[in-house]
């Protein structure tokens, strides 16, 4: 194997490791109206993604990556 091929394989391996080693994150909160009353059944979506959820009976939501 020549040097270019070895370097390419090392770069690909490091890229794959870095993609799988990323930390996950969790978004959670409460949706409420102007009077601080929780609102159930509201759709919560992360902008420019397809990730989302709906609030529970107490207005709470949680989205995991």
PDB file of N, CA and C in Angstrom:
ATOM      1  N   UNK A   1       0.839  -1.186   0.000  1.00  0.00           N
ATOM      2  CA  UNK A   1       0.000   0.000   0.000  1.00  0.00           C
ATOM      3  C   UNK A   1       0.880   1.244   0.000  1.00  0.00           C
ATOM      4  N   UNK A   2       0.476   2.204  -0.779  1.00  0.00           N
ATOM      5  CA  UNK A   2       1.271   3.428  -0.799  1.00  0.00           C
ATOM      6  C   UNK A   2       0.796   4.393   0.298  1.00  0.00           C
ATOM      7  N   UNK A   3       1.536   5.465   0.480  1.00  0.00           N
ATOM      8  CA  UNK A   3       1.289   6.414   1.561  1.00  0.00           C
ATOM      9  C   UNK A   3      -0.064   7.122   1.418  1.00  0.00           C
ATOM     10  N   UNK A   4      -0.442   7.476   0.198  1.00  0.00           N
ATOM     11  CA  UNK A   4      -1.722   8.164  -0.018  1.00  0.00           C
ATOM     12  C   UNK A   4      -2.900   7.287   0.398  1.00  0.00           C
ATOM     13  N   UNK A   5      -2.831   6.020   0.085  1.00  0.00           N
ATOM     14  CA  UNK A   5      -3.907   5.096   0.434  1.00  0.00           C
ATOM     15  C   UNK A   5      -4.006   4.939   1.951  1.00  0.00           C
ATOM     16  N   UNK A   6      -2.862   4.813   2.628  1.00  0.00           N
ATOM     17  CA  UNK A   6      -2.863   4.695   4.082  1.00  0.00           C
ATOM     18  C   UNK A   6      -3.450   5.943   4.735  1.00  0.00           C
ATOM     19  N   UNK A   7      -3.046   7.110   4.258  1.00  0.00           N
ATOM     20  CA  UNK A   7      -3.569   8.358   4.821  1.00  0.00           C
ATOM     21  C   UNK A   7      -5.072   8.494   4.583  1.00  0.00           C
ATOM     22  N   UNK A   8      -5.534   8.072   3.442  1.00  0.00           N
ATOM     23  CA  UNK A   8      -6.959   8.121   3.140  1.00  0.00           C
ATOM     24  C   UNK A   8      -7.743   7.201   4.067  1.00  0.00           C
ATOM     25  N   UNK A   9      -7.245   6.002   4.279  1.00  0.00           N
ATOM     26  CA  UNK A   9      -7.915   5.065   5.178  1.00  0.00           C
ATOM     27  C   UNK A   9      -7.936   5.579   6.623  1.00  0.00           C
ATOM     28  N   UNK A  10      -6.852   6.185   7.059  1.00  0.00           N
ATOM     29  CA  UNK A  10      -6.807   6.759   8.407  1.00  0.00           C
ATOM     30  C   UNK A  10      -7.811   7.900   8.533  1.00  0.00           C
ATOM     31  N   UNK A  11      -7.883   8.760   7.522  1.00  0.00           N
ATOM     32  CA  UNK A  11      -8.821   9.884   7.551  1.00  0.00           C
ATOM     33  C   UNK A  11     -10.271   9.401   7.592  1.00  0.00           C
ATOM     34  N   UNK A  12     -10.586   8.391   6.806  1.00  0.00           N
ATOM     35  CA  UNK A  12     -11.951   7.848   6.793  1.00  0.00           C
ATOM     36  C   UNK A  12     -12.281   7.229   8.145  1.00  0.00           C
ATOM     37  N   UNK A  13     -11.349   6.522   8.733  1.00  0.00           N
ATOM     38  CA  UNK A  13     -11.568   5.902  10.044  1.00  0.00           C
ATOM     39  C   UNK A  13     -11.809   6.961  11.112  1.00  0.00           C
ATOM     40  N   UNK A  14     -11.009   8.003  11.121  1.00  0.00           N
ATOM     41  CA  UNK A  14     -11.182   9.071  12.105  1.00  0.00           C
ATOM     42  C   UNK A  14     -12.501   9.797  11.914  1.00  0.00           C
ATOM     43  N   UNK A  15     -12.917   9.996  10.693  1.00  0.00           N
ATOM     44  CA  UNK A  15     -14.196  10.642  10.425  1.00  0.00           C
ATOM     45  C   UNK A  15     -15.352   9.798  10.951  1.00  0.00           C
ATOM     46  N   UNK A  16     -15.304   8.505  10.701  1.00  0.00           N
ATOM     47  CA  UNK A  16     -16.358   7.616  11.190  1.00  0.00           C
ATOM     48  C   UNK A  16     -16.414   7.587  12.713  1.00  0.00           C
ATOM     49  N   UNK A  17     -15.265   7.556  13.354  1.00  0.00           N
ATOM     50  CA  UNK A  17     -15.234   7.557  14.822  1.00  0.00           C
ATOM     51  C   UNK A  17     -15.828   8.848  15.360  1.00  0.00           C
ATOM     52  N   UNK A  18     -15.493   9.969  14.753  1.00  0.00           N
ATOM     53  CA  UNK A  18     -16.002  11.249  15.246  1.00  0.00           C
ATOM     54  C   UNK A  18     -17.510  11.369  15.047  1.00  0.00           C
ATOM     55  N   UNK A  19     -18.051  10.773  13.999  1.00  0.00           N
ATOM     56  CA  UNK A  19     -19.488  10.825  13.779  1.00  0.00           C
ATOM     57  C   UNK A  19     -20.248  10.019  14.830  1.00  0.00           C
ATOM     58  N   UNK A  20     -19.721   8.879  15.227  1.00  0.00           N
ATOM     59  CA  UNK A  20     -20.394   8.032  16.203  1.00  0.00           C
ATOM     60  C   UNK A  20     -20.140   8.463  17.640  1.00  0.00           C
ATOM     61  N   UNK A  21     -19.143   9.271  17.878  1.00  0.00           N
ATOM     62  CA  UNK A  21     -18.804   9.667  19.236  1.00  0.00           C
ATOM     63  C   UNK A  21     -19.465  10.970  19.663  1.00  0.00           C
ATOM     64  N   UNK A  22     -20.315  11.534  18.846  1.00  0.00           N
ATOM     65  CA  UNK A  22     -20.958  12.801  19.193  1.00  0.00           C
ATOM     66  C   UNK A  22     -21.924  12.607  20.348  1.00  0.00           C
ATOM     67  N   UNK A  23     -21.986  13.618  21.210  1.00  0.00           N
ATOM     68  CA  UNK A  23     -22.915  13.570  22.331  1.00  0.00           C
ATOM     69  C   UNK A  23     -24.332  13.778  21.843  1.00  0.00           C
ATOM     70  N   UNK A  24     -25.253  13.101  22.510  1.00  0.00           N
ATOM     71  CA  UNK A  24     -26.656  13.335  22.207  1.00  0.00           C
ATOM     72  C   UNK A  24     -27.148  14.476  23.094  1.00  0.00           C
ATOM     73  N   UNK A  25     -28.270  15.028  22.746  1.00  0.00           N
ATOM     74  CA  UNK A  25     -28.814  16.107  23.546  1.00  0.00           C
ATOM     75  C   UNK A  25     -30.297  15.901  23.753  1.00  0.00           C
ATOM     76  N   UNK A  26     -30.810  16.591  24.746  1.00  0.00           N
ATOM     77  CA  UNK A  26     -32.208  16.469  25.115  1.00  0.00           C
ATOM     78  C   UNK A  26     -32.779  17.870  25.278  1.00  0.00           C
ATOM     79  N   UNK A  27     -33.889  18.108  24.615  1.00  0.00           N
ATOM     80  CA  UNK A  27     -34.597  19.373  24.763  1.00  0.00           C
ATOM     81  C   UNK A  27     -35.873  19.107  25.532  1.00  0.00           C
ATOM     82  N   UNK A  28     -36.099  19.876  26.584  1.00  0.00           N
ATOM     83  CA  UNK A  28     -37.361  19.741  27.278  1.00  0.00           C
ATOM     84  C   UNK A  28     -37.811  21.091  27.793  1.00  0.00           C
ATOM     85  N   UNK A  29     -39.116  21.203  27.971  1.00  0.00           N
ATOM     86  CA  UNK A  29     -39.670  22.453  28.441  1.00  0.00           C
ATOM     87  C   UNK A  29     -41.171  22.347  28.625  1.00  0.00           C
ATOM     88  N   UNK A  30     -41.779  23.492  28.864  1.00  0.00           N
ATOM     89  CA  UNK A  30     -43.222  23.563  29.079  1.00  0.00           C
ATOM     90  C   UNK A  30     -43.778  24.648  28.169  1.00  0.00           C
ATOM     91  N   UNK A  31     -44.885  24.345  27.500  1.00  0.00           N
ATOM     92  CA  UNK A  31     -45.573  25.331  26.683  1.00  0.00           C
ATOM     93  C   UNK A  31     -46.749  25.847  27.506  1.00  0.00           C
ATOM     94  N   UNK A  32     -46.798  27.178  27.690  1.00  0.00           N
ATOM     95  CA  UNK A  32     -47.878  27.771  28.474  1.00  0.00           C
ATOM     96  C   UNK A  32     -48.375  29.034  27.784  1.00  0.00           C
ATOM     97  N   UNK A  33     -49.559  29.469  28.173  1.00  0.00           N
ATOM     98  CA  UNK A  33     -50.127  30.683  27.584  1.00  0.00           C
ATOM     99  C   UNK A  33     -49.669  31.910  28.378  1.00  0.00           C
ATOM    100  N   UNK A  34     -50.235  33.061  28.072  1.00  0.00           N
ATOM    101  CA  UNK A  34     -49.830  34.316  28.712  1.00  0.00           C
ATOM    102  C   UNK A  34     -50.116  34.329  30.211  1.00  0.00           C
ATOM    103  N   UNK A  35     -51.051  33.498  30.660  1.00  0.00           N
ATOM    104  CA  UNK A  35     -51.393  33.428  32.088  1.00  0.00           C
ATOM    105  C   UNK A  35     -50.664  32.295  32.804  1.00  0.00           C
ATOM    106  N   UNK A  36     -49.639  31.731  32.181  1.00  0.00           N
ATOM    107  CA  UNK A  36     -48.845  30.613  32.712  1.00  0.00           C
ATOM    108  C   UNK A  36     -49.658  29.342  32.913  1.00  0.00           C
ATOM    109  N   UNK A  37     -50.684  29.142  32.109  1.00  0.00           N
ATOM    110  CA  UNK A  37     -51.467  27.912  32.141  1.00  0.00           C
ATOM    111  C   UNK A  37     -50.889  26.968  31.087  1.00  0.00           C
ATOM    112  N   UNK A  38     -50.494  25.735  31.481  1.00  0.00           N
ATOM    113  CA  UNK A  38     -49.923  24.786  30.509  1.00  0.00           C
ATOM    114  C   UNK A  38     -50.919  24.451  29.402  1.00  0.00           C
ATOM    115  N   UNK A  39     -50.402  24.285  28.177  1.00  0.00           N
ATOM    116  CA  UNK A  39     -51.244  23.985  27.019  1.00  0.00           C
ATOM    117  C   UNK A  39     -50.934  22.560  26.545  1.00  0.00           C
ATOM    118  N   UNK A  40     -51.886  21.626  26.661  1.00  0.00           N
ATOM    119  CA  UNK A  40     -51.660  20.256  26.192  1.00  0.00           C
ATOM    120  C   UNK A  40     -51.882  20.133  24.682  1.00  0.00           C
ATOM    121  N   UNK A  41     -51.192  19.171  24.066  1.00  0.00           N
ATOM    122  CA  UNK A  41     -51.419  18.851  22.659  1.00  0.00           C
ATOM    123  C   UNK A  41     -50.788  19.788  21.650  1.00  0.00           C
ATOM    124  N   UNK A  42     -49.836  20.608  22.069  1.00  0.00           N
ATOM    125  CA  UNK A  42     -49.162  21.526  21.149  1.00  0.00           C
ATOM    126  C   UNK A  42     -48.017  20.795  20.456  1.00  0.00           C
ATOM    127  N   UNK A  43     -47.873  20.970  19.146  1.00  0.00           N
ATOM    128  CA  UNK A  43     -46.759  20.370  18.406  1.00  0.00           C
ATOM    129  C   UNK A  43     -45.511  21.224  18.577  1.00  0.00           C
ATOM    130  N   UNK A  44     -44.414  20.571  18.922  1.00  0.00           N
ATOM    131  CA  UNK A  44     -43.117  21.236  19.078  1.00  0.00           C
ATOM    132  C   UNK A  44     -42.163  20.579  18.097  1.00  0.00           C
ATOM    133  N   UNK A  45     -41.594  21.372  17.167  1.00  0.00           N
ATOM    134  CA  UNK A  45     -40.714  20.840  16.129  1.00  0.00           C
ATOM    135  C   UNK A  45     -39.421  21.642  16.113  1.00  0.00           C
ATOM    136  N   UNK A  46     -38.284  20.952  15.961  1.00  0.00           N
ATOM    137  CA  UNK A  46     -36.998  21.627  15.809  1.00  0.00           C
ATOM    138  C   UNK A  46     -36.940  22.190  14.406  1.00  0.00           C
ATOM    139  N   UNK A  47     -36.640  23.467  14.293  1.00  0.00           N
ATOM    140  CA  UNK A  47     -36.622  24.167  13.004  1.00  0.00           C
ATOM    141  C   UNK A  47     -35.673  23.490  12.016  1.00  0.00           C
ATOM    142  N   UNK A  48     -36.114  23.357  10.785  1.00  0.00           N
ATOM    143  CA  UNK A  48     -35.355  22.787   9.669  1.00  0.00           C
ATOM    144  C   UNK A  48     -35.009  21.313   9.859  1.00  0.00           C
ATOM    145  N   UNK A  49     -35.803  20.593  10.673  1.00  0.00           N
ATOM    146  CA  UNK A  49     -35.636  19.155  10.841  1.00  0.00           C
ATOM    147  C   UNK A  49     -37.013  18.502  10.817  1.00  0.00           C
ATOM    148  N   UNK A  50     -37.012  17.184  10.927  1.00  0.00           N
ATOM    149  CA  UNK A  50     -38.277  16.460  11.041  1.00  0.00           C
ATOM    150  C   UNK A  50     -38.486  15.969  12.468  1.00  0.00           C
ATOM    151  N   UNK A  51     -37.647  16.388  13.391  1.00  0.00           N
ATOM    152  CA  UNK A  51     -37.761  15.972  14.786  1.00  0.00           C
ATOM    153  C   UNK A  51     -38.790  16.839  15.502  1.00  0.00           C
ATOM    154  N   UNK A  52     -39.680  16.160  16.200  1.00  0.00           N
ATOM    155  CA  UNK A  52     -40.681  16.895  16.947  1.00  0.00           C
ATOM    156  C   UNK A  52     -41.474  15.999  17.865  1.00  0.00           C
ATOM    157  N   UNK A  53     -42.355  16.606  18.636  1.00  0.00           N
ATOM    158  CA  UNK A  53     -43.196  15.888  19.579  1.00  0.00           C
ATOM    159  C   UNK A  53     -44.412  16.750  19.890  1.00  0.00           C
ATOM    160  N   UNK A  54     -45.273  16.254  20.752  1.00  0.00           N
ATOM    161  CA  UNK A  54     -46.433  17.014  21.206  1.00  0.00           C
ATOM    162  C   UNK A  54     -46.370  17.112  22.725  1.00  0.00           C
ATOM    163  N   UNK A  55     -46.929  18.187  23.270  1.00  0.00           N
ATOM    164  CA  UNK A  55     -46.926  18.362  24.714  1.00  0.00           C
ATOM    165  C   UNK A  55     -47.917  17.408  25.373  1.00  0.00           C
ATOM    166  N   UNK A  56     -47.614  17.029  26.613  1.00  0.00           N
ATOM    167  CA  UNK A  56     -48.512  16.148  27.359  1.00  0.00           C
ATOM    168  C   UNK A  56     -49.605  16.972  28.037  1.00  0.00           C
ATOM    169  N   UNK A  57     -50.343  16.350  28.935  1.00  0.00           N
ATOM    170  CA  UNK A  57     -51.478  17.001  29.590  1.00  0.00           C
ATOM    171  C   UNK A  57     -51.054  18.232  30.387  1.00  0.00           C
ATOM    172  N   UNK A  58     -49.818  18.226  30.900  1.00  0.00           N
ATOM    173  CA  UNK A  58     -49.316  19.349  31.699  1.00  0.00           C
ATOM    174  C   UNK A  58     -48.510  20.344  30.869  1.00  0.00           C
ATOM    175  N   UNK A  59     -48.515  20.207  29.539  1.00  0.00           N
ATOM    176  CA  UNK A  59     -47.787  21.126  28.669  1.00  0.00           C
ATOM    177  C   UNK A  59     -46.314  20.824  28.526  1.00  0.00           C
ATOM    178  N   UNK A  60     -45.845  19.708  29.082  1.00  0.00           N
ATOM    179  CA  UNK A  60     -44.430  19.341  29.018  1.00  0.00           C
ATOM    180  C   UNK A  60     -44.107  18.662  27.697  1.00  0.00           C
ATOM    181  N   UNK A  61     -42.882  18.892  27.213  1.00  0.00           N
ATOM    182  CA  UNK A  61     -42.406  18.192  26.024  1.00  0.00           C
ATOM    183  C   UNK A  61     -40.950  17.796  26.241  1.00  0.00           C
ATOM    184  N   UNK A  62     -40.509  16.779  25.493  1.00  0.00           N
ATOM    185  CA  UNK A  62     -39.140  16.300  25.556  1.00  0.00           C
ATOM    186  C   UNK A  62     -38.771  15.721  24.205  1.00  0.00           C
ATOM    187  N   UNK A  63     -37.662  16.201  23.637  1.00  0.00           N
ATOM    188  CA  UNK A  63     -37.172  15.720  22.344  1.00  0.00           C
ATOM    189  C   UNK A  63     -35.743  15.244  22.544  1.00  0.00           C
ATOM    190  N   UNK A  64     -35.483  13.994  22.201  1.00  0.00           N
ATOM    191  CA  UNK A  64     -34.141  13.414  22.306  1.00  0.00           C
ATOM    192  C   UNK A  64     -33.529  13.329  20.906  1.00  0.00           C
ATOM    193  N   UNK A  65     -32.235  13.525  20.873  1.00  0.00           N
ATOM    194  CA  UNK A  65     -31.531  13.345  19.599  1.00  0.00           C
ATOM    195  C   UNK A  65     -31.175  11.906  19.455  1.00  0.00           C
TER     196      UNK A  65
END
